[in-house]
């Protein structure tokens, strides 16, 4: 039961972050971005918890996402 709860909590958190534009799950849409939007793409250099809704699009590496989801 705890695993299901953790999974659902993770799913809700990821959906919230994606919906806010903080995290992009896939890079496949990068080519379709306008030049203005591409300028907003930033490499996530801090913990995911410290990201704010600042109108940037953060590229998060797999290791950082894995660490975040394990919490």
C-alpha atoms as a PDB file:
ATOM      1  CA  UNK A   1       0.000   0.000   0.000  1.00  0.00           C
ATOM      2  CA  UNK A   2       2.870   2.358   0.801  1.00  0.00           C
ATOM      3  CA  UNK A   3       4.347   1.841  -2.675  1.00  0.00           C
ATOM      4  CA  UNK A   4       1.037   2.772  -4.288  1.00  0.00           C
ATOM      5  CA  UNK A   5       0.799   5.883  -2.119  1.00  0.00           C
ATOM      6  CA  UNK A   6       4.377   6.886  -2.998  1.00  0.00           C
ATOM      7  CA  UNK A   7       3.742   6.293  -6.680  1.00  0.00           C
ATOM      8  CA  UNK A   8       0.565   8.381  -6.662  1.00  0.00           C
ATOM      9  CA  UNK A   9       2.261  11.170  -4.734  1.00  0.00           C
ATOM     10  CA  UNK A  10       5.141  11.155  -7.214  1.00  0.00           C
ATOM     11  CA  UNK A  11       2.731  11.170 -10.130  1.00  0.00           C
ATOM     12  CA  UNK A  12       0.832  14.158  -8.729  1.00  0.00           C
ATOM     13  CA  UNK A  13       4.069  16.037  -8.007  1.00  0.00           C
ATOM     14  CA  UNK A  14       5.437  15.386 -11.505  1.00  0.00           C
ATOM     15  CA  UNK A  15       2.153  16.417 -13.121  1.00  0.00           C
ATOM     16  CA  UNK A  16       2.122  19.619 -11.078  1.00  0.00           C
ATOM     17  CA  UNK A  17       5.691  20.502 -12.028  1.00  0.00           C
ATOM     18  CA  UNK A  18       5.070  19.728 -15.694  1.00  0.00           C
ATOM     19  CA  UNK A  19       1.819  21.681 -15.713  1.00  0.00           C
ATOM     20  CA  UNK A  20       3.583  24.704 -14.274  1.00  0.00           C
ATOM     21  CA  UNK A  21       6.178  24.527 -17.046  1.00  0.00           C
ATOM     22  CA  UNK A  22       8.968  23.772 -14.603  1.00  0.00           C
ATOM     23  CA  UNK A  23       9.889  20.376 -15.969  1.00  0.00           C
ATOM     24  CA  UNK A  24       9.715  18.932 -19.451  1.00  0.00           C
ATOM     25  CA  UNK A  25       9.485  15.144 -19.532  1.00  0.00           C
ATOM     26  CA  UNK A  26      10.626  14.730 -23.103  1.00  0.00           C
ATOM     27  CA  UNK A  27      13.078  16.613 -25.257  1.00  0.00           C
ATOM     28  CA  UNK A  28      11.307  15.738 -28.481  1.00  0.00           C
ATOM     29  CA  UNK A  29       9.396  19.018 -28.589  1.00  0.00           C
ATOM     30  CA  UNK A  30      12.509  21.199 -28.415  1.00  0.00           C
ATOM     31  CA  UNK A  31      12.760  21.507 -32.181  1.00  0.00           C
ATOM     32  CA  UNK A  32       9.258  22.935 -32.388  1.00  0.00           C
ATOM     33  CA  UNK A  33       9.972  25.713 -29.867  1.00  0.00           C
ATOM     34  CA  UNK A  34      10.262  29.261 -31.092  1.00  0.00           C
ATOM     35  CA  UNK A  35      13.596  31.041 -30.703  1.00  0.00           C
ATOM     36  CA  UNK A  36      12.112  32.985 -27.786  1.00  0.00           C
ATOM     37  CA  UNK A  37      11.055  29.766 -26.032  1.00  0.00           C
ATOM     38  CA  UNK A  38      14.423  28.116 -26.698  1.00  0.00           C
ATOM     39  CA  UNK A  39      16.078  31.046 -24.921  1.00  0.00           C
ATOM     40  CA  UNK A  40      14.021  30.156 -21.810  1.00  0.00           C
ATOM     41  CA  UNK A  41      15.410  26.594 -21.634  1.00  0.00           C
ATOM     42  CA  UNK A  42      17.827  26.275 -18.725  1.00  0.00           C
ATOM     43  CA  UNK A  43      19.805  23.332 -17.427  1.00  0.00           C
ATOM     44  CA  UNK A  44      18.617  22.455 -13.930  1.00  0.00           C
ATOM     45  CA  UNK A  45      21.712  22.958 -11.748  1.00  0.00           C
ATOM     46  CA  UNK A  46      19.967  22.843  -8.358  1.00  0.00           C
ATOM     47  CA  UNK A  47      17.626  20.413  -6.652  1.00  0.00           C
ATOM     48  CA  UNK A  48      14.198  20.079  -8.210  1.00  0.00           C
ATOM     49  CA  UNK A  49      12.635  21.174  -4.914  1.00  0.00           C
ATOM     50  CA  UNK A  50      14.284  24.575  -5.233  1.00  0.00           C
ATOM     51  CA  UNK A  51      12.829  25.370  -8.677  1.00  0.00           C
ATOM     52  CA  UNK A  52      10.341  28.210  -8.775  1.00  0.00           C
ATOM     53  CA  UNK A  53       7.707  29.200 -11.277  1.00  0.00           C
ATOM     54  CA  UNK A  54       9.903  31.794 -13.003  1.00  0.00           C
ATOM     55  CA  UNK A  55       8.774  31.330 -16.606  1.00  0.00           C
ATOM     56  CA  UNK A  56      11.838  29.259 -17.518  1.00  0.00           C
ATOM     57  CA  UNK A  57      11.805  25.733 -18.924  1.00  0.00           C
ATOM     58  CA  UNK A  58      14.181  23.472 -17.031  1.00  0.00           C
ATOM     59  CA  UNK A  59      16.019  20.542 -18.553  1.00  0.00           C
ATOM     60  CA  UNK A  60      16.451  17.935 -15.813  1.00  0.00           C
ATOM     61  CA  UNK A  61      18.885  15.055 -16.187  1.00  0.00           C
ATOM     62  CA  UNK A  62      17.902  11.485 -15.397  1.00  0.00           C
ATOM     63  CA  UNK A  63      20.065  11.195 -12.277  1.00  0.00           C
ATOM     64  CA  UNK A  64      18.554  14.336 -10.732  1.00  0.00           C
ATOM     65  CA  UNK A  65      15.017  13.116 -11.499  1.00  0.00           C
ATOM     66  CA  UNK A  66      15.780   9.660 -10.077  1.00  0.00           C
ATOM     67  CA  UNK A  67      17.094  11.213  -6.852  1.00  0.00           C
ATOM     68  CA  UNK A  68      14.032  13.435  -6.615  1.00  0.00           C
ATOM     69  CA  UNK A  69      11.634  10.539  -7.093  1.00  0.00           C
ATOM     70  CA  UNK A  70      13.402   8.413  -4.477  1.00  0.00           C
ATOM     71  CA  UNK A  71      12.671  10.925  -1.715  1.00  0.00           C
END
